[in-house]
């Protein structure tokens, strides 16, 4: 089985001490490719260098809604330029996070709207971070349509999921699916069409149940697959093939080339 981790922050400092070992473990677990999303402009160079040195790592570039204090107005122009020169597979990680009561909603909305426009103009999918803001995000997508993308760590309703799917999106499922207490999320994963699901870890965050309170790793992606197979009562092999095909369709990758094969 070849799996694709569609959302994995391998570039962050948490992996600086043992990144090569983490990659080796992930490949041994069947994770053939990993998408590495950007968070802020300062990190794009390191991220691009990492992906350039490994055929199984694919860069996405964006400005994260929870890093507003690190973003400047000129970073949008810089993002437009780096998208044009570096050909990332997606624009991301972008989105809206209204979880905190003091969230600067207007600035987040403006930043997200601008990045959706960049993705639209570049013909790229987007990797969305959305928390407590699905209705607002769906309104933005209606205003500024893109070719699709992934709603990362999806935690909305079935009705909202269907609206994302109608807009060409897949829904990303990760470590939270492995927790028995995630009953609503597990019901949702069981009800969605198989063509709408992609796997992710969000490593180093949102780890699987067997490694609770520990650093997450792309090597744990098979545990997400196992949880998905359990709740859907389907074959892990069939779901591995389907979710890999979904990711390749979403990111316009050649499934035969994934992982350098």
Protein backbone atom coordinates (compact mmCIF):
# COMPACT_ATOMS: atom_id res chain seq x y z
CA UNK A 1 0.00 0.00 0.00
CA UNK A 2 1.21 3.47 -0.90
CA UNK A 3 -0.21 6.30 1.18
CA UNK A 4 -0.01 10.07 0.82
CA UNK A 5 0.14 12.32 3.87
CA UNK A 6 -1.63 15.38 2.48
CA UNK A 7 -0.70 17.65 5.39
CA UNK A 8 2.55 17.27 7.30
CA UNK A 9 4.80 20.04 8.68
CA UNK A 10 8.09 18.22 8.29
CA UNK A 11 9.96 21.49 7.91
CA UNK A 12 9.38 22.73 11.46
CA UNK A 13 12.04 22.70 14.19
CA UNK A 14 10.40 19.75 15.97
CA UNK A 15 11.98 17.51 13.32
CA UNK A 16 15.39 19.17 13.01
CA UNK A 17 17.16 16.58 15.19
CA UNK A 18 15.89 13.45 13.44
CA UNK A 19 14.14 14.40 10.18
CA UNK A 20 15.96 11.75 8.12
CA UNK A 21 14.96 9.03 10.58
CA UNK A 22 11.34 10.23 10.54
CA UNK A 23 11.29 10.07 6.75
CA UNK A 24 12.81 6.58 6.75
CA UNK A 25 10.19 5.37 9.23
CA UNK A 26 7.39 6.91 7.16
CA UNK A 27 8.59 5.21 3.97
CA UNK A 28 8.91 1.90 5.82
CA UNK A 29 5.27 2.32 6.93
CA UNK A 30 4.13 2.77 3.32
CA UNK A 31 3.88 6.57 3.21
CA UNK A 32 5.22 7.25 -0.27
CA UNK A 33 4.66 11.01 -0.35
CA UNK A 34 4.05 13.91 1.98
CA UNK A 35 2.69 17.40 1.30
CA UNK A 36 4.48 20.05 3.36
CA UNK A 37 2.38 23.23 3.80
CA UNK A 38 3.88 26.62 4.53
CA UNK A 39 2.92 28.73 7.53
CA UNK A 40 4.73 32.04 7.10
CA UNK A 41 7.04 33.77 4.64
CA UNK A 42 10.09 33.27 6.85
CA UNK A 43 9.75 29.52 6.56
CA UNK A 44 9.23 29.15 2.81
CA UNK A 45 12.94 28.92 1.99
CA UNK A 46 13.62 26.06 4.38
CA UNK A 47 10.46 24.26 3.24
CA UNK A 48 11.34 24.57 -0.45
CA UNK A 49 14.89 23.39 0.17
CA UNK A 50 13.64 20.35 2.05
CA UNK A 51 11.22 19.39 -0.72
CA UNK A 52 13.78 20.01 -3.46
CA UNK A 53 16.01 17.40 -1.86
CA UNK A 54 13.42 14.62 -1.72
CA UNK A 55 11.23 13.39 -4.58
CA UNK A 56 8.53 12.29 -2.14
CA UNK A 57 8.01 15.70 -0.54
CA UNK A 58 5.70 18.21 -2.20
CA UNK A 59 5.59 21.90 -1.14
CA UNK A 60 2.56 24.07 -0.55
CA UNK A 61 3.00 27.75 0.25
CA UNK A 62 0.78 30.05 2.25
CA UNK A 63 0.21 32.36 5.21
CA UNK A 64 -1.50 30.65 8.17
CA UNK A 65 -4.39 32.46 9.89
CA UNK A 66 -2.91 31.86 13.36
CA UNK A 67 0.37 33.56 12.44
CA UNK A 68 -1.00 37.04 11.80
CA UNK A 69 1.70 38.64 13.95
CA UNK A 70 4.34 37.30 11.52
CA UNK A 71 2.63 38.41 8.30
CA UNK A 72 3.27 41.76 6.60
CA UNK A 73 1.35 43.34 3.77
CA UNK A 74 4.22 42.72 1.34
CA UNK A 75 4.12 38.98 2.07
CA UNK A 76 1.15 38.60 -0.26
CA UNK A 77 3.19 39.99 -3.15
CA UNK A 78 6.05 37.71 -2.11
CA UNK A 79 3.67 34.74 -2.09
CA UNK A 80 2.48 35.57 -5.60
CA UNK A 81 6.10 35.67 -6.78
CA UNK A 82 7.20 32.45 -5.11
CA UNK A 83 4.14 30.62 -6.44
CA UNK A 84 5.11 31.69 -9.95
CA UNK A 85 8.75 30.65 -9.60
CA UNK A 86 8.59 27.53 -7.42
CA UNK A 87 5.44 25.76 -8.71
CA UNK A 88 4.03 24.43 -5.42
CA UNK A 89 1.31 21.79 -5.56
CA UNK A 90 -1.10 24.01 -3.60
CA UNK A 91 -1.58 27.31 -1.80
CA UNK A 92 -1.64 26.59 1.90
CA UNK A 93 -1.91 26.44 4.74
CA UNK A 94 -4.48 29.21 4.58
CA UNK A 95 -7.89 29.74 6.11
CA UNK A 96 -9.85 31.03 9.09
CA UNK A 97 -9.59 30.26 12.79
CA UNK A 98 -12.21 31.93 14.98
CA UNK A 99 -11.69 29.67 17.98
CA UNK A 100 -10.14 32.39 20.14
CA UNK A 101 -12.55 35.08 21.36
CA UNK A 102 -10.04 37.81 20.47
CA UNK A 103 -9.37 36.51 16.95
CA UNK A 104 -8.88 39.31 14.43
CA UNK A 105 -11.63 38.08 12.15
CA UNK A 106 -11.51 40.92 9.64
CA UNK A 107 -7.78 40.59 9.07
CA UNK A 108 -8.09 36.82 8.74
CA UNK A 109 -10.90 37.22 6.22
CA UNK A 110 -8.91 39.76 4.18
CA UNK A 111 -5.79 37.56 4.21
CA UNK A 112 -7.70 34.44 3.23
CA UNK A 113 -9.64 36.21 0.49
CA UNK A 114 -6.40 37.51 -1.01
CA UNK A 115 -4.77 34.08 -0.96
CA UNK A 116 -7.81 32.45 -2.54
CA UNK A 117 -7.48 34.97 -5.34
CA UNK A 118 -3.81 34.08 -5.78
CA UNK A 119 -4.71 30.38 -5.92
CA UNK A 120 -7.49 31.07 -8.42
CA UNK A 121 -5.19 33.08 -10.68
CA UNK A 122 -2.45 30.43 -10.47
CA UNK A 123 -4.88 27.57 -11.06
CA UNK A 124 -3.84 25.86 -7.83
CA UNK A 125 -5.83 24.00 -5.17
CA UNK A 126 -5.79 25.24 -1.57
CA UNK A 127 -5.10 23.58 1.76
CA UNK A 128 -7.58 25.05 4.23
CA UNK A 129 -7.30 25.43 7.98
CA UNK A 130 -10.82 26.12 9.25
CA UNK A 131 -11.86 26.15 12.91
CA UNK A 132 -15.15 27.56 14.16
CA UNK A 133 -15.54 29.29 10.80
CA UNK A 134 -16.91 26.88 8.18
CA UNK A 135 -19.85 29.07 7.20
CA UNK A 136 -17.56 32.06 6.72
CA UNK A 137 -15.11 29.94 4.73
CA UNK A 138 -17.82 28.58 2.47
CA UNK A 139 -18.98 32.14 1.81
CA UNK A 140 -15.44 33.15 0.85
CA UNK A 141 -15.17 30.18 -1.51
CA UNK A 142 -18.46 31.20 -3.14
CA UNK A 143 -17.09 34.73 -3.63
CA UNK A 144 -13.67 33.61 -4.87
CA UNK A 145 -13.95 30.13 -6.40
CA UNK A 146 -10.83 27.99 -6.69
CA UNK A 147 -10.28 24.67 -8.46
CA UNK A 148 -10.67 22.76 -5.19
CA UNK A 149 -8.45 21.65 -2.38
CA UNK A 150 -8.51 19.97 0.98
CA UNK A 151 -10.35 21.04 4.13
CA UNK A 152 -7.61 19.96 6.51
CA UNK A 153 -8.53 18.29 9.83
CA UNK A 154 -12.17 18.65 8.91
CA UNK A 155 -14.47 19.02 11.91
CA UNK A 156 -17.65 20.46 10.42
CA UNK A 157 -21.06 18.94 9.82
CA UNK A 158 -22.10 16.47 7.13
CA UNK A 159 -24.06 19.26 5.42
CA UNK A 160 -20.98 21.50 5.37
CA UNK A 161 -18.86 18.61 4.10
CA UNK A 162 -21.24 18.15 1.20
CA UNK A 163 -20.98 21.84 0.34
CA UNK A 164 -17.18 21.61 0.28
CA UNK A 165 -17.41 18.52 -1.93
CA UNK A 166 -19.68 20.39 -4.36
CA UNK A 167 -16.93 23.02 -4.62
CA UNK A 168 -14.35 20.38 -5.58
CA UNK A 169 -12.86 19.79 -2.13
CA UNK A 170 -11.78 16.68 -0.30
CA UNK A 171 -11.97 16.39 3.48
CA UNK A 172 -8.80 15.59 5.41
CA UNK A 173 -8.87 13.07 8.27
CA UNK A 174 -6.01 12.49 10.69
CA UNK A 175 -5.15 11.41 14.19
CA UNK A 176 -8.41 12.47 15.82
CA UNK A 177 -10.15 9.71 13.87
CA UNK A 178 -8.21 7.12 15.90
CA UNK A 179 -9.80 8.18 19.20
CA UNK A 180 -12.91 6.20 20.16
CA UNK A 181 -14.33 9.34 21.80
CA UNK A 182 -14.37 11.15 18.43
CA UNK A 183 -17.82 9.74 17.78
CA UNK A 184 -19.18 12.57 15.63
CA UNK A 185 -16.04 12.66 13.49
CA UNK A 186 -16.05 8.88 13.06
CA UNK A 187 -19.72 8.94 12.00
CA UNK A 188 -18.90 11.63 9.47
CA UNK A 189 -15.99 9.63 8.03
CA UNK A 190 -18.33 6.65 7.65
CA UNK A 191 -20.95 8.66 5.75
CA UNK A 192 -18.84 10.55 3.23
CA UNK A 193 -18.33 9.27 -0.32
CA UNK A 194 -14.94 7.52 -0.57
CA UNK A 195 -13.87 9.85 -3.38
CA UNK A 196 -14.00 12.82 -0.97
CA UNK A 197 -11.54 11.59 1.68
CA UNK A 198 -7.80 12.18 1.99
CA UNK A 199 -5.47 11.14 4.79
CA UNK A 200 -3.16 13.40 6.77
CA UNK A 201 -1.24 13.60 10.03
CA UNK A 202 -0.62 17.34 10.61
CA UNK A 203 2.63 16.17 12.21
CA UNK A 204 4.01 17.19 14.64
CA UNK A 205 0.50 18.02 15.94
CA UNK A 206 -2.79 16.11 16.36
CA UNK A 207 -1.18 12.73 16.96
CA UNK A 208 -2.87 9.33 16.94
CA UNK A 209 -4.35 7.68 20.02
CA UNK A 210 -1.47 5.22 20.43
CA UNK A 211 0.99 8.13 20.75
CA UNK A 212 -1.14 10.53 22.74
CA UNK A 213 0.79 13.51 24.16
CA UNK A 214 3.76 12.64 21.93
CA UNK A 215 5.06 14.22 18.75
CA UNK A 216 3.08 13.13 15.74
CA UNK A 217 4.80 11.55 12.74
CA UNK A 218 3.88 10.72 9.13
CA UNK A 219 4.87 7.15 10.03
CA UNK A 220 1.61 6.94 11.99
CA UNK A 221 -0.56 7.51 8.90
CA UNK A 222 -1.39 3.77 8.61
CA UNK A 223 -3.15 4.07 11.98
CA UNK A 224 -5.43 6.73 10.50
CA UNK A 225 -6.09 4.40 7.57
CA UNK A 226 -6.91 1.56 9.98
CA UNK A 227 -9.39 3.77 11.86
CA UNK A 228 -11.01 4.83 8.60
CA UNK A 229 -11.33 1.19 7.51
CA UNK A 230 -12.87 0.32 10.88
CA UNK A 231 -15.55 3.00 10.84
CA UNK A 232 -16.40 2.43 7.18
CA UNK A 233 -16.18 -1.38 7.45
CA UNK A 234 -14.07 -1.46 4.31
CA UNK A 235 -10.76 -2.98 3.29
CA UNK A 236 -7.67 -0.97 4.31
CA UNK A 237 -6.07 -1.84 0.96
CA UNK A 238 -9.05 -0.52 -0.99
CA UNK A 239 -9.16 2.67 1.08
CA UNK A 240 -5.41 3.15 0.70
CA UNK A 241 -5.76 2.99 -3.07
CA UNK A 242 -8.79 5.29 -3.05
CA UNK A 243 -7.36 7.97 -0.76
CA UNK A 244 -4.06 7.97 -2.68
CA UNK A 245 -5.98 8.37 -5.95
CA UNK A 246 -8.01 11.19 -4.36
CA UNK A 247 -4.85 13.01 -3.27
CA UNK A 248 -3.28 12.62 -6.70
CA UNK A 249 -6.42 13.97 -8.38
CA UNK A 250 -6.62 16.86 -5.94
CA UNK A 251 -2.96 17.85 -6.28
CA UNK A 252 -2.61 16.80 -9.93
CA UNK A 253 0.11 14.26 -9.22
CA UNK A 254 0.84 11.21 -11.36
CA UNK A 255 -0.01 8.29 -9.11
CA UNK A 256 2.73 6.20 -10.75
CA UNK A 257 5.34 8.82 -9.92
CA UNK A 258 4.39 9.33 -6.26
CA UNK A 259 7.34 8.65 -4.03
CA UNK A 260 9.76 8.70 -6.92
CA UNK A 261 8.61 5.37 -8.30
